[in-house]
Amino acid sequence: MAIYRCNKCGFIEEVAAESIGTQRACPHCAHVNVTHDTLLFISKVLERYFALLNASRRESAESKGVAATPAASLIDLRGLDLHNTKLIASDVQHGPIHDWFASRNVTIRPKLGAVDTTGFFDEIAVAIGDDYELHRALIDQIRHAQTRNYTSVNVNLSKRSQKEQQLLTAFCRQLYDYSFVSKYFYQKVEKVVRLNLQASQPIRDFFAGEWLEWFALMKVLGTMQSAGGNAACARSLEVVFANEDLHELDVFGLIGGRTPVCVECKTGEFRPYIDRYDTLRKRLGLSRTQFVICVAGLTDEQATGLSAMYDLTFVNQGTLAVHLSQISTLA
């Protein structure tokens, strides 16, 4: 549906969705206004509401000589479709994260679009991660083809079971429906899927490994939604320390609005980065359970062994959500 609101007299009514973006005169005062999409209109109203609420509480706290609480600008996720919202992609939602880092003399540069789930990156990422062994070879094949600037790939499914063939052809069809590939064709007799690849950089980045960041983001948001509904989460977050050292965190969130968790994602080699991650963990003042290295394809045994060796927590795409839920119970 759509909503019509007069900016002059305040008249408001619900109208047909076909009128979104059109202009008409207000029936009460004749002032001309634009008709808005209802969900977008509500999200903008909520953004302004929480921004004003946060500012008011900050002013009140400052007048009393105390720090404003991060919870002042938390976004409520209860009932929200996490896979289709712009509400998280706002300064309001990142407010508690700003406060958390500021208390440690660290500034941040959020990328609001990195948590906008109105596209389809999050859906495909979750599909990949939730059944990684099924999709692994296909994703590797697409990534390899893109690094060689090939324009298409032929995916041979003849050695797969019938069930796997059904699941993979459905997934490839979904890639086409969501425009991750420009063409899809299934040769049923030969059991070969032909995919024409997209050349756009966001799609290349996604298959090159960014899919795991989207996957981790959705698992963190899902944990927050289950733990009470409060959101404070960022992806591709740039942090600048007092000495101007710059780092980018793949996913960072405050579970319950107060318990920090950082998830660094790797779809390839991760061993050369272990010392750097441990140094970063110490600089941020995070415990080993709060600084998580999610490595796609890592076995459970490897994850357990590496977690015992280093002051970091290693997980794979299958155990990430379990670890996050354990953190949330302590939040």
Protein backbone atom coordinates (compact mmCIF):
# COMPACT_ATOMS: atom_id res chain seq x y z
CA MET A 1 0.00 0.00 0.00
CA ALA A 2 0.90 3.70 -0.14
CA ILE A 3 0.44 6.64 2.18
CA TYR A 4 -0.46 10.25 1.40
CA ARG A 5 0.41 12.93 3.93
CA CYS A 6 0.07 16.68 3.56
CA ASN A 7 3.21 18.48 4.72
CA LYS A 8 1.17 21.65 5.33
CA CYS A 9 -1.97 20.68 7.23
CA GLY A 10 -1.07 17.14 8.34
CA PHE A 11 -3.92 15.37 6.54
CA ILE A 12 -3.08 11.67 6.06
CA GLU A 13 -4.72 8.71 4.33
CA GLU A 14 -3.86 5.31 2.90
CA VAL A 15 -4.10 5.04 -0.90
CA ALA A 16 -3.50 2.48 -3.63
CA ALA A 17 0.08 1.34 -4.26
CA GLU A 18 -0.17 2.42 -7.91
CA SER A 19 -0.03 6.06 -6.81
CA ILE A 20 3.43 5.84 -5.21
CA GLY A 21 5.58 8.71 -6.47
CA THR A 22 2.69 10.68 -7.91
CA GLN A 23 1.66 14.18 -6.80
CA ARG A 24 -1.81 15.50 -5.99
CA ALA A 25 -3.39 18.37 -4.15
CA CYS A 26 -4.46 17.86 -0.54
CA PRO A 27 -8.29 17.61 -0.33
CA HIS A 28 -8.24 19.82 2.77
CA CYS A 29 -5.83 22.67 1.97
CA ALA A 30 -4.93 22.12 -1.74
CA HIS A 31 -1.20 21.91 -0.98
CA VAL A 32 0.54 19.56 -3.47
CA ASN A 33 2.30 16.53 -1.93
CA VAL A 34 3.95 13.31 -3.09
CA THR A 35 2.51 9.87 -2.28
CA HIS A 36 4.96 7.56 -0.48
CA ASP A 37 5.50 3.83 -0.11
CA THR A 38 4.07 2.96 3.32
CA LEU A 39 7.01 0.91 4.64
CA LEU A 40 9.57 3.45 3.44
CA PHE A 41 7.54 6.29 4.98
CA ILE A 42 7.27 4.51 8.32
CA SER A 43 11.00 3.68 8.35
CA LYS A 44 11.86 7.34 7.75
CA VAL A 45 9.50 8.44 10.52
CA LEU A 46 11.09 5.95 12.91
CA GLU A 47 14.58 7.11 11.95
CA ARG A 48 13.66 10.70 12.79
CA TYR A 49 11.92 9.63 15.99
CA PHE A 50 14.89 7.67 17.30
CA ALA A 51 17.31 10.40 16.22
CA LEU A 52 15.33 13.00 18.19
CA LEU A 53 14.96 10.64 21.15
CA ASN A 54 18.69 9.92 21.15
CA ALA A 55 19.55 13.62 20.94
CA SER A 56 17.14 14.43 23.77
CA ARG A 57 18.60 11.78 26.04
CA ARG A 58 22.13 12.89 25.24
CA GLU A 59 21.27 16.48 26.15
CA SER A 60 19.63 15.31 29.37
CA ALA A 61 22.60 13.14 30.29
CA GLU A 62 25.10 15.90 29.51
CA SER A 63 23.16 18.37 31.67
CA LYS A 64 23.51 15.91 34.56
CA GLY A 65 27.20 15.35 33.86
CA VAL A 66 26.85 11.68 32.91
CA ALA A 67 27.40 9.78 29.67
CA ALA A 68 24.41 9.00 27.48
CA THR A 69 23.58 5.30 27.28
CA PRO A 70 24.06 3.49 23.97
CA ALA A 71 20.60 1.96 24.37
CA ALA A 72 19.11 5.36 23.57
CA SER A 73 19.25 4.71 19.83
CA LEU A 74 18.78 0.96 19.58
CA ILE A 75 16.49 -0.23 16.79
CA ASP A 76 13.86 -2.81 17.71
CA LEU A 77 14.08 -5.82 15.38
CA ARG A 78 11.02 -7.63 16.72
CA GLY A 79 8.68 -8.51 13.88
CA LEU A 80 11.06 -7.06 11.30
CA ASP A 81 11.87 -8.97 8.10
CA LEU A 82 15.66 -8.98 8.37
CA HIS A 83 16.02 -9.91 4.70
CA ASN A 84 14.18 -6.86 3.42
CA THR A 85 14.79 -3.66 5.35
CA LYS A 86 16.57 -0.31 5.12
CA LEU A 87 15.93 0.43 8.79
CA ILE A 88 19.31 -1.01 9.81
CA ALA A 89 21.13 1.10 7.19
CA SER A 90 20.88 4.33 9.20
CA ASP A 91 23.00 6.53 11.44
CA VAL A 92 20.48 5.88 14.19
CA GLN A 93 21.14 2.15 14.15
CA HIS A 94 24.91 2.75 14.26
CA GLY A 95 24.62 5.20 17.19
CA PRO A 96 25.44 2.73 19.98
CA ILE A 97 28.45 1.50 18.00
CA HIS A 98 29.71 5.09 17.68
CA ASP A 99 29.38 5.44 21.46
CA TRP A 100 31.10 2.14 22.22
CA PHE A 101 34.16 3.01 20.13
CA ALA A 102 34.22 6.64 21.27
CA SER A 103 34.56 5.45 24.88
CA ARG A 104 37.79 3.78 23.74
CA ASN A 105 39.04 6.86 21.89
CA VAL A 106 38.38 5.20 18.52
CA THR A 107 36.39 6.77 15.69
CA ILE A 108 34.38 4.78 13.15
CA ARG A 109 33.26 5.25 9.56
CA PRO A 110 30.13 3.18 8.99
CA LYS A 111 29.05 2.17 5.50
CA LEU A 112 25.28 2.34 5.72
CA GLY A 113 24.73 0.51 2.44
CA ALA A 114 26.69 -2.45 3.78
CA VAL A 115 23.74 -3.39 6.00
CA ASP A 116 20.93 -2.58 3.56
CA THR A 117 19.13 -5.89 3.06
CA THR A 118 16.58 -4.75 0.49
CA GLY A 119 18.78 -6.32 -2.19
CA PHE A 120 19.43 -10.03 -2.57
CA PHE A 121 23.02 -10.39 -1.35
CA ASP A 122 21.86 -11.51 2.09
CA GLU A 123 19.45 -14.17 0.78
CA ILE A 124 22.00 -15.77 -1.52
CA ALA A 125 24.71 -15.58 1.16
CA VAL A 126 22.54 -17.42 3.68
CA ALA A 127 21.62 -20.02 1.06
CA ILE A 128 25.32 -20.64 0.41
CA GLY A 129 26.41 -20.73 4.03
CA ASP A 130 23.55 -22.82 5.36
CA ASP A 131 24.51 -25.66 2.97
CA TYR A 132 28.10 -24.81 2.12
CA GLU A 133 29.23 -28.30 1.15
CA LEU A 134 26.49 -28.46 -1.46
CA HIS A 135 27.34 -25.07 -2.97
CA ARG A 136 31.10 -24.97 -2.38
CA ALA A 137 32.28 -26.35 -5.73
CA LEU A 138 29.88 -24.14 -7.68
CA ILE A 139 30.94 -20.97 -5.84
CA ASP A 140 34.62 -21.84 -6.31
CA GLN A 141 34.02 -22.43 -10.01
CA ILE A 142 32.30 -19.07 -10.45
CA ARG A 143 35.00 -17.27 -8.47
CA HIS A 144 37.77 -18.91 -10.50
CA ALA A 145 36.04 -18.01 -13.78
CA GLN A 146 35.69 -14.40 -12.70
CA THR A 147 39.38 -14.11 -11.79
CA ARG A 148 40.17 -15.29 -15.34
CA ASN A 149 37.58 -12.89 -16.80
CA TYR A 150 35.60 -15.75 -18.33
CA THR A 151 32.11 -14.81 -19.41
CA SER A 152 30.42 -18.12 -18.60
CA VAL A 153 30.76 -21.42 -16.74
CA ASN A 154 29.46 -24.90 -17.42
CA VAL A 155 28.49 -26.72 -14.22
CA ASN A 156 28.52 -30.51 -14.62
CA LEU A 157 26.02 -32.14 -12.27
CA SER A 158 26.15 -35.65 -13.72
CA LYS A 159 28.08 -37.06 -10.74
CA ARG A 160 25.72 -35.53 -8.21
CA SER A 161 22.80 -37.39 -6.65
CA GLN A 162 19.32 -36.66 -7.95
CA LYS A 163 18.52 -34.66 -4.82
CA GLU A 164 21.67 -32.56 -5.20
CA GLN A 165 20.90 -31.99 -8.88
CA GLN A 166 17.46 -30.65 -7.94
CA LEU A 167 18.86 -28.39 -5.22
CA LEU A 168 21.68 -27.03 -7.35
CA THR A 169 19.56 -26.34 -10.41
CA ALA A 170 17.06 -24.54 -8.17
CA PHE A 171 19.92 -22.50 -6.67
CA CYS A 172 21.31 -21.64 -10.11
CA ARG A 173 17.85 -20.59 -11.18
CA GLN A 174 17.69 -18.36 -8.10
CA LEU A 175 21.03 -16.81 -9.07
CA TYR A 176 19.46 -15.92 -12.40
CA ASP A 177 16.19 -14.67 -10.89
CA TYR A 178 18.17 -12.36 -8.59
CA SER A 179 20.50 -11.28 -11.46
CA PHE A 180 23.70 -12.73 -9.97
CA VAL A 181 24.17 -14.28 -13.42
CA SER A 182 22.91 -12.88 -16.70
CA LYS A 183 21.75 -16.14 -18.22
CA TYR A 184 20.75 -19.61 -17.02
CA PHE A 185 20.25 -22.69 -19.13
CA TYR A 186 19.98 -26.33 -18.04
CA GLN A 187 20.88 -29.09 -20.47
CA LYS A 188 18.72 -31.79 -18.92
CA VAL A 189 20.08 -34.76 -20.87
CA GLU A 190 23.74 -33.95 -20.22
CA LYS A 191 22.90 -32.61 -16.72
CA VAL A 192 24.95 -29.47 -17.32
CA VAL A 193 24.03 -25.98 -16.18
CA ARG A 194 25.34 -23.10 -18.26
CA LEU A 195 25.64 -19.74 -16.52
CA ASN A 196 26.59 -16.45 -18.14
CA LEU A 197 28.41 -14.35 -15.56
CA GLN A 198 27.80 -10.75 -14.55
CA ALA A 199 30.76 -8.39 -14.90
CA SER A 200 29.67 -5.88 -12.27
CA GLN A 201 32.14 -5.38 -9.41
CA PRO A 202 29.65 -5.93 -6.54
CA ILE A 203 28.79 -9.36 -7.95
CA ARG A 204 32.47 -10.23 -8.45
CA ASP A 205 33.24 -9.13 -4.89
CA PHE A 206 30.37 -11.22 -3.58
CA PHE A 207 31.60 -14.46 -5.13
CA ALA A 208 35.21 -13.59 -4.28
CA GLY A 209 34.36 -13.92 -0.58
CA GLU A 210 32.07 -11.08 0.45
CA TRP A 211 29.21 -13.55 0.62
CA LEU A 212 30.59 -14.78 3.96
CA GLU A 213 30.41 -11.25 5.40
CA TRP A 214 26.74 -11.03 4.41
CA PHE A 215 26.20 -14.48 5.91
CA ALA A 216 27.85 -13.45 9.20
CA LEU A 217 25.87 -10.21 9.29
CA MET A 218 22.57 -12.07 9.01
CA LYS A 219 23.57 -14.54 11.71
CA VAL A 220 24.50 -11.68 14.05
CA LEU A 221 21.22 -9.88 13.31
CA GLY A 222 19.30 -13.12 13.80
CA THR A 223 20.96 -13.59 17.18
CA MET A 224 20.06 -10.03 18.16
CA GLN A 225 16.47 -10.52 17.07
CA SER A 226 16.19 -13.70 19.15
CA ALA A 227 17.91 -12.13 22.15
CA GLY A 228 15.41 -9.33 22.56
CA GLY A 229 15.17 -7.52 19.28
CA ASN A 230 17.66 -4.68 19.70
CA ALA A 231 19.96 -3.95 16.74
CA ALA A 232 23.42 -2.39 16.78
CA CYS A 233 25.35 -3.97 13.94
CA ALA A 234 27.75 -2.89 11.19
CA ARG A 235 29.49 -4.49 8.22
CA SER A 236 32.73 -3.36 6.54
CA LEU A 237 33.20 -0.97 9.46
CA GLU A 238 36.28 1.27 9.27
CA VAL A 239 37.81 2.03 12.68
CA VAL A 240 40.46 4.70 13.22
CA PHE A 241 42.59 4.56 16.37
CA ALA A 242 44.02 7.61 18.13
CA ASN A 243 47.35 7.16 16.31
CA GLU A 244 45.41 7.15 13.01
CA ASP A 245 45.86 3.41 12.41
CA LEU A 246 43.03 2.29 10.15
CA HIS A 247 41.39 -1.15 10.21
CA GLU A 248 38.24 -2.55 8.65
CA LEU A 249 36.07 -4.94 10.65
CA ASP A 250 34.01 -7.38 8.59
CA VAL A 251 31.08 -7.53 11.03
CA PHE A 252 30.74 -5.82 14.41
CA GLY A 253 27.74 -5.80 16.71
CA LEU A 254 26.55 -5.10 20.24
CA ILE A 255 24.37 -7.98 21.38
CA GLY A 256 21.72 -6.70 23.73
CA GLY A 257 23.07 -3.24 23.03
CA ARG A 258 26.10 -3.78 25.26
CA THR A 259 28.03 -7.02 24.57
CA PRO A 260 30.46 -6.54 21.67
CA VAL A 261 31.26 -9.20 19.10
CA CYS A 262 33.56 -8.92 16.10
CA VAL A 263 33.42 -11.48 13.28
CA GLU A 264 36.25 -11.60 10.77
CA CYS A 265 35.47 -13.68 7.67
CA LYS A 266 37.80 -15.73 5.50
CA THR A 267 36.94 -17.91 2.50
CA GLY A 268 40.58 -18.60 1.67
CA GLU A 269 43.91 -18.54 3.47
CA PHE A 270 43.63 -17.17 7.00
CA ARG A 271 46.82 -18.29 8.79
CA PRO A 272 48.98 -15.25 7.87
CA TYR A 273 46.43 -12.97 9.55
CA ILE A 274 46.22 -14.66 12.97
CA ASP A 275 48.80 -12.42 14.69
CA ARG A 276 47.18 -9.30 13.24
CA TYR A 277 43.77 -10.41 14.48
CA ASP A 278 45.11 -11.09 17.97
CA THR A 279 46.75 -7.65 18.10
CA LEU A 280 43.51 -6.01 16.95
CA ARG A 281 41.52 -7.96 19.56
CA LYS A 282 43.77 -6.62 22.31
CA ARG A 283 43.54 -3.04 21.04
CA LEU A 284 39.75 -3.24 21.08
CA GLY A 285 39.71 -4.79 24.54
CA LEU A 286 37.68 -7.82 23.46
CA SER A 287 37.82 -11.24 25.07
CA ARG A 288 38.72 -14.28 23.00
CA THR A 289 35.06 -15.33 22.79
CA GLN A 290 34.10 -11.89 21.46
CA PHE A 291 36.62 -11.87 18.60
CA VAL A 292 35.54 -14.55 16.13
CA ILE A 293 37.35 -15.81 13.03
CA CYS A 294 34.82 -17.46 10.71
CA VAL A 295 36.57 -19.58 8.09
CA ALA A 296 34.42 -21.19 5.39
CA GLY A 297 35.10 -24.90 5.10
CA LEU A 298 37.08 -25.18 8.34
CA THR A 299 36.32 -28.49 10.07
CA ASP A 300 34.87 -28.50 13.58
CA GLU A 301 38.03 -30.27 14.80
CA GLN A 302 40.27 -27.61 13.24
CA ALA A 303 38.17 -24.83 14.75
CA THR A 304 38.38 -26.38 18.21
CA GLY A 305 42.13 -26.92 17.92
CA LEU A 306 42.88 -23.40 16.69
CA SER A 307 40.69 -21.87 19.40
CA ALA A 308 42.75 -23.77 22.00
CA MET A 309 46.03 -22.51 20.50
CA TYR A 310 45.22 -18.81 20.19
CA ASP A 311 43.35 -16.15 22.16
CA LEU A 312 40.74 -16.05 19.41
CA THR A 313 37.61 -18.06 18.66
CA PHE A 314 37.61 -19.99 15.38
CA VAL A 315 34.34 -21.17 13.86
CA ASN A 316 33.07 -22.25 10.48
CA GLN A 317 29.90 -21.26 8.66
CA GLY A 318 28.01 -24.02 10.46
CA THR A 319 29.07 -23.22 14.04
CA LEU A 320 28.99 -19.42 13.89
CA ALA A 321 25.34 -19.12 14.93
CA VAL A 322 25.89 -21.56 17.82
CA HIS A 323 28.76 -19.48 19.17
CA LEU A 324 26.78 -16.25 18.80
CA SER A 325 23.87 -17.72 20.73
CA GLN A 326 26.26 -18.67 23.54
CA ILE A 327 27.49 -15.07 23.70
CA SER A 328 23.90 -13.77 23.74
CA THR A 329 23.04 -15.87 26.80
CA LEU A 330 25.78 -14.03 28.70
CA ALA A 331 24.82 -10.58 27.38
